[in-house]
Amino acid sequence: MDKLKSFFKEFYNRGSVFLWVSLPIIAIDQLTKYLIKTNLTLGQSIPESGFFHITYVQNTGAAFSIFRDHTYLLSIFSIIGVILLLVIVFYLSKRIRFLRSVPARLSLGLIMGGTVGNLIDRLSYGYVVDFIDVDFFAIFNVADAAISIGAVLLAITYIKLAGD
């Protein structure tokens, strides 16, 4: 019984921030994509002019549409990414000190939430629903933003804590 209690305590300590960040990201990402798919037609943009738009597009590639029409390959990469993130959080964080920090767990949770959110789309539809359209940038979604913010936060955390 003590081993089981110890396992769950360690799981909670290692995974709580990670899970409390990734699960809401997945939910928000999927909710926003559902709202876009049910309320806009493909290619529709609102408002039609201005700096910021909500534009419904179907992205069969990755960021900036690279690997377009390679959904199977991108799904495999995403599954591998999810597995690696789980290994990092629940195994490598025992050995690498900076990964035990709250900012590192937060950033890994953002990356996991975004990866799973886009993976759900790829497996369900064969494409990722993108809709956040800023004139000077590629169209993206909540999952993409979470991955990008998580990656930047992880790099900053590493730089700040690596010297300690």
C-alpha atoms as a PDB file:
ATOM      1  CA  MET A   1       0.000   0.000   0.000  1.00  0.00           C
ATOM      2  CA  ASP A   2       2.849   2.382   0.791  1.00  0.00           C
ATOM      3  CA  LYS A   3       4.376   1.804  -2.661  1.00  0.00           C
ATOM      4  CA  LEU A   4       1.071   2.638  -4.333  1.00  0.00           C
ATOM      5  CA  LYS A   5       0.641   5.746  -2.185  1.00  0.00           C
ATOM      6  CA  SER A   6       4.223   6.764  -2.967  1.00  0.00           C
ATOM      7  CA  PHE A   7       3.633   6.241  -6.706  1.00  0.00           C
ATOM      8  CA  PHE A   8       0.536   8.455  -6.735  1.00  0.00           C
ATOM      9  CA  LYS A   9       2.237  11.132  -4.638  1.00  0.00           C
ATOM     10  CA  GLU A  10       5.182  11.216  -7.053  1.00  0.00           C
ATOM     11  CA  PHE A  11       2.819  11.207 -10.056  1.00  0.00           C
ATOM     12  CA  TYR A  12       0.949  14.158  -8.557  1.00  0.00           C
ATOM     13  CA  ASN A  13       4.157  16.045  -7.755  1.00  0.00           C
ATOM     14  CA  ARG A  14       5.607  15.501 -11.222  1.00  0.00           C
ATOM     15  CA  GLY A  15       2.431  15.850 -13.236  1.00  0.00           C
ATOM     16  CA  SER A  16       0.065  18.235 -11.502  1.00  0.00           C
ATOM     17  CA  VAL A  17       1.160  21.511 -13.133  1.00  0.00           C
ATOM     18  CA  PHE A  18       1.718  19.682 -16.415  1.00  0.00           C
ATOM     19  CA  LEU A  19      -1.807  18.204 -16.419  1.00  0.00           C
ATOM     20  CA  TRP A  20      -3.566  21.292 -15.039  1.00  0.00           C
ATOM     21  CA  VAL A  21      -2.125  23.281 -17.937  1.00  0.00           C
ATOM     22  CA  SER A  22      -2.400  20.772 -20.793  1.00  0.00           C
ATOM     23  CA  LEU A  23      -5.996  19.650 -20.192  1.00  0.00           C
ATOM     24  CA  PRO A  24      -7.564  23.163 -20.302  1.00  0.00           C
ATOM     25  CA  ILE A  25      -5.484  24.005 -23.391  1.00  0.00           C
ATOM     26  CA  ILE A  26      -6.878  20.921 -25.148  1.00  0.00           C
ATOM     27  CA  ALA A  27     -10.431  21.831 -24.089  1.00  0.00           C
ATOM     28  CA  ILE A  28     -10.160  25.499 -25.142  1.00  0.00           C
ATOM     29  CA  ASP A  29      -8.497  24.543 -28.421  1.00  0.00           C
ATOM     30  CA  GLN A  30     -11.162  21.995 -29.312  1.00  0.00           C
ATOM     31  CA  LEU A  31     -14.018  24.294 -28.250  1.00  0.00           C
ATOM     32  CA  THR A  32     -12.750  27.194 -30.370  1.00  0.00           C
ATOM     33  CA  LYS A  33     -12.244  24.910 -33.369  1.00  0.00           C
ATOM     34  CA  TYR A  34     -15.761  23.488 -32.942  1.00  0.00           C
ATOM     35  CA  LEU A  35     -17.201  27.012 -32.857  1.00  0.00           C
ATOM     36  CA  ILE A  36     -15.280  27.951 -36.004  1.00  0.00           C
ATOM     37  CA  LYS A  37     -16.336  24.801 -37.902  1.00  0.00           C
ATOM     38  CA  THR A  38     -19.998  25.206 -36.962  1.00  0.00           C
ATOM     39  CA  ASN A  39     -20.339  28.965 -37.489  1.00  0.00           C
ATOM     40  CA  LEU A  40     -18.084  29.820 -40.440  1.00  0.00           C
ATOM     41  CA  THR A  41     -17.782  28.418 -43.921  1.00  0.00           C
ATOM     42  CA  LEU A  42     -14.378  27.350 -45.209  1.00  0.00           C
ATOM     43  CA  GLY A  43     -12.430  30.466 -46.206  1.00  0.00           C
ATOM     44  CA  GLN A  44     -14.861  32.863 -44.511  1.00  0.00           C
ATOM     45  CA  SER A  45     -13.184  35.745 -42.703  1.00  0.00           C
ATOM     46  CA  ILE A  46     -14.692  38.092 -40.123  1.00  0.00           C
ATOM     47  CA  PRO A  47     -14.331  41.010 -40.166  1.00  0.00           C
ATOM     48  CA  GLU A  48     -13.521  41.269 -43.839  1.00  0.00           C
ATOM     49  CA  SER A  49     -11.103  44.170 -43.379  1.00  0.00           C
ATOM     50  CA  GLY A  50      -8.719  45.283 -40.685  1.00  0.00           C
ATOM     51  CA  PHE A  51      -5.629  43.981 -38.925  1.00  0.00           C
ATOM     52  CA  PHE A  52      -7.084  40.957 -37.089  1.00  0.00           C
ATOM     53  CA  HIS A  53      -9.512  38.407 -38.533  1.00  0.00           C
ATOM     54  CA  ILE A  54     -11.122  35.118 -37.690  1.00  0.00           C
ATOM     55  CA  THR A  55     -10.622  33.096 -40.875  1.00  0.00           C
ATOM     56  CA  TYR A  56     -11.572  29.425 -41.182  1.00  0.00           C
ATOM     57  CA  VAL A  57      -8.907  27.393 -42.997  1.00  0.00           C
ATOM     58  CA  GLN A  58      -8.065  23.703 -43.075  1.00  0.00           C
ATOM     59  CA  ASN A  59      -4.324  23.123 -42.731  1.00  0.00           C
ATOM     60  CA  THR A  60      -3.145  19.713 -43.943  1.00  0.00           C
ATOM     61  CA  GLY A  61       0.445  20.594 -43.042  1.00  0.00           C
ATOM     62  CA  ALA A  62       2.327  21.719 -39.954  1.00  0.00           C
ATOM     63  CA  ALA A  63       3.356  25.263 -39.007  1.00  0.00           C
ATOM     64  CA  PHE A  64       3.321  27.568 -42.032  1.00  0.00           C
ATOM     65  CA  SER A  65       1.765  24.617 -43.937  1.00  0.00           C
ATOM     66  CA  ILE A  66       5.062  22.716 -44.231  1.00  0.00           C
ATOM     67  CA  PHE A  67       4.599  18.996 -44.960  1.00  0.00           C
ATOM     68  CA  ARG A  68       1.267  19.841 -46.592  1.00  0.00           C
ATOM     69  CA  ASP A  69      -0.908  16.771 -47.276  1.00  0.00           C
ATOM     70  CA  HIS A  70       1.271  14.496 -45.106  1.00  0.00           C
ATOM     71  CA  THR A  71      -1.283  14.020 -42.319  1.00  0.00           C
ATOM     72  CA  TYR A  72      -0.177  10.449 -41.575  1.00  0.00           C
ATOM     73  CA  LEU A  73       3.463  11.492 -41.120  1.00  0.00           C
ATOM     74  CA  LEU A  74       2.527  14.536 -39.020  1.00  0.00           C
ATOM     75  CA  SER A  75       0.270  12.359 -36.847  1.00  0.00           C
ATOM     76  CA  ILE A  76       3.162   9.960 -36.214  1.00  0.00           C
ATOM     77  CA  PHE A  77       5.456  12.894 -35.320  1.00  0.00           C
ATOM     78  CA  SER A  78       2.794  14.217 -32.937  1.00  0.00           C
ATOM     79  CA  ILE A  79       2.347  10.839 -31.239  1.00  0.00           C
ATOM     80  CA  ILE A  80       6.122  10.550 -30.823  1.00  0.00           C
ATOM     81  CA  GLY A  81       6.140  14.095 -29.412  1.00  0.00           C
ATOM     82  CA  VAL A  82       3.455  13.222 -26.861  1.00  0.00           C
ATOM     83  CA  ILE A  83       5.406  10.139 -25.769  1.00  0.00           C
ATOM     84  CA  LEU A  84       8.621  12.171 -25.459  1.00  0.00           C
ATOM     85  CA  LEU A  85       6.874  14.844 -23.392  1.00  0.00           C
ATOM     86  CA  LEU A  86       5.541  12.187 -21.024  1.00  0.00           C
ATOM     87  CA  VAL A  87       9.042  10.689 -20.701  1.00  0.00           C
ATOM     88  CA  ILE A  88      10.476  14.145 -19.995  1.00  0.00           C
ATOM     89  CA  VAL A  89       7.896  14.993 -17.332  1.00  0.00           C
ATOM     90  CA  PHE A  90       7.693  11.653 -15.552  1.00  0.00           C
ATOM     91  CA  TYR A  91      11.204  10.238 -16.025  1.00  0.00           C
ATOM     92  CA  LEU A  92      13.842  12.777 -17.063  1.00  0.00           C
ATOM     93  CA  SER A  93      12.640  15.373 -14.560  1.00  0.00           C
ATOM     94  CA  LYS A  94      13.996  13.077 -11.841  1.00  0.00           C
ATOM     95  CA  ARG A  95      17.469  13.526 -13.312  1.00  0.00           C
ATOM     96  CA  ILE A  96      17.446  17.023 -14.839  1.00  0.00           C
ATOM     97  CA  ARG A  97      16.880  19.665 -12.185  1.00  0.00           C
ATOM     98  CA  PHE A  98      15.539  22.513 -14.309  1.00  0.00           C
ATOM     99  CA  LEU A  99      12.701  20.241 -15.516  1.00  0.00           C
ATOM    100  CA  ARG A 100      11.413  20.076 -11.924  1.00  0.00           C
ATOM    101  CA  SER A 101      10.744  23.817 -11.877  1.00  0.00           C
ATOM    102  CA  VAL A 102       7.197  25.131 -12.146  1.00  0.00           C
ATOM    103  CA  PRO A 103       7.985  27.255 -15.250  1.00  0.00           C
ATOM    104  CA  ALA A 104       9.406  24.184 -17.040  1.00  0.00           C
ATOM    105  CA  ARG A 105       6.334  22.117 -16.127  1.00  0.00           C
ATOM    106  CA  LEU A 106       4.078  24.969 -17.223  1.00  0.00           C
ATOM    107  CA  SER A 107       5.844  25.230 -20.571  1.00  0.00           C
ATOM    108  CA  LEU A 108       5.763  21.448 -21.111  1.00  0.00           C
ATOM    109  CA  GLY A 109       2.039  21.501 -20.295  1.00  0.00           C
ATOM    110  CA  LEU A 110       1.475  24.189 -22.917  1.00  0.00           C
ATOM    111  CA  ILE A 111       3.421  22.187 -25.499  1.00  0.00           C
ATOM    112  CA  MET A 112       1.549  18.973 -24.624  1.00  0.00           C
ATOM    113  CA  GLY A 113      -1.861  20.657 -24.743  1.00  0.00           C
ATOM    114  CA  GLY A 114      -1.125  22.173 -28.135  1.00  0.00           C
ATOM    115  CA  THR A 115       0.323  18.975 -29.554  1.00  0.00           C
ATOM    116  CA  VAL A 116      -2.660  16.889 -28.444  1.00  0.00           C
ATOM    117  CA  GLY A 117      -5.136  19.539 -29.643  1.00  0.00           C
ATOM    118  CA  ASN A 118      -3.729  19.482 -33.163  1.00  0.00           C
ATOM    119  CA  LEU A 119      -3.340  15.686 -33.088  1.00  0.00           C
ATOM    120  CA  ILE A 120      -7.060  15.328 -32.328  1.00  0.00           C
ATOM    121  CA  ASP A 121      -7.811  17.380 -35.456  1.00  0.00           C
ATOM    122  CA  ARG A 122      -5.435  15.399 -37.653  1.00  0.00           C
ATOM    123  CA  LEU A 123      -6.853  12.068 -36.519  1.00  0.00           C
ATOM    124  CA  SER A 124     -10.487  13.260 -36.674  1.00  0.00           C
ATOM    125  CA  TYR A 125     -10.520  15.307 -39.880  1.00  0.00           C
ATOM    126  CA  GLY A 126      -7.226  14.759 -41.701  1.00  0.00           C
ATOM    127  CA  TYR A 127      -6.393  18.452 -41.239  1.00  0.00           C
ATOM    128  CA  VAL A 128      -5.992  21.053 -38.495  1.00  0.00           C
ATOM    129  CA  VAL A 129      -8.544  23.838 -38.106  1.00  0.00           C
ATOM    130  CA  ASP A 130      -6.751  27.206 -38.114  1.00  0.00           C
ATOM    131  CA  PHE A 131      -8.562  30.507 -37.612  1.00  0.00           C
ATOM    132  CA  ILE A 132      -6.499  33.226 -35.877  1.00  0.00           C
ATOM    133  CA  ASP A 133      -5.526  35.518 -38.731  1.00  0.00           C
ATOM    134  CA  VAL A 134      -3.171  38.432 -38.122  1.00  0.00           C
ATOM    135  CA  ASP A 135      -2.366  40.192 -41.393  1.00  0.00           C
ATOM    136  CA  PHE A 136       1.416  39.883 -41.185  1.00  0.00           C
ATOM    137  CA  PHE A 137       1.536  36.266 -39.984  1.00  0.00           C
ATOM    138  CA  ALA A 138       0.345  32.778 -40.895  1.00  0.00           C
ATOM    139  CA  ILE A 139      -3.144  31.716 -39.787  1.00  0.00           C
ATOM    140  CA  PHE A 140      -2.926  29.630 -36.604  1.00  0.00           C
ATOM    141  CA  ASN A 141      -5.009  28.318 -33.688  1.00  0.00           C
ATOM    142  CA  VAL A 142      -4.986  28.076 -29.879  1.00  0.00           C
ATOM    143  CA  ALA A 143      -2.897  24.875 -29.980  1.00  0.00           C
ATOM    144  CA  ASP A 144      -0.255  26.506 -32.175  1.00  0.00           C
ATOM    145  CA  ALA A 145      -0.078  29.496 -29.828  1.00  0.00           C
ATOM    146  CA  ALA A 146       0.287  27.197 -26.798  1.00  0.00           C
ATOM    147  CA  ILE A 147       3.127  25.262 -28.455  1.00  0.00           C
ATOM    148  CA  SER A 148       4.959  28.469 -29.406  1.00  0.00           C
ATOM    149  CA  ILE A 149       4.532  30.118 -26.008  1.00  0.00           C
ATOM    150  CA  GLY A 150       5.547  26.877 -24.280  1.00  0.00           C
ATOM    151  CA  ALA A 151       8.699  26.535 -26.385  1.00  0.00           C
ATOM    152  CA  VAL A 152       9.773  30.133 -25.705  1.00  0.00           C
ATOM    153  CA  LEU A 153       9.023  29.789 -21.981  1.00  0.00           C
ATOM    154  CA  LEU A 154      10.978  26.518 -21.828  1.00  0.00           C
ATOM    155  CA  ALA A 155      13.992  28.147 -23.505  1.00  0.00           C
ATOM    156  CA  ILE A 156      13.868  31.122 -21.121  1.00  0.00           C
ATOM    157  CA  THR A 157      13.523  28.784 -18.136  1.00  0.00           C
ATOM    158  CA  TYR A 158      16.486  26.736 -19.295  1.00  0.00           C
ATOM    159  CA  ILE A 159      18.658  29.821 -19.803  1.00  0.00           C
ATOM    160  CA  LYS A 160      17.723  31.245 -16.383  1.00  0.00           C
ATOM    161  CA  LEU A 161      18.056  27.988 -14.437  1.00  0.00           C
ATOM    162  CA  ALA A 162      20.913  26.271 -16.286  1.00  0.00           C
ATOM    163  CA  GLY A 163      23.485  28.387 -14.485  1.00  0.00           C
ATOM    164  CA  ASP A 164      22.085  27.525 -11.055  1.00  0.00           C
END
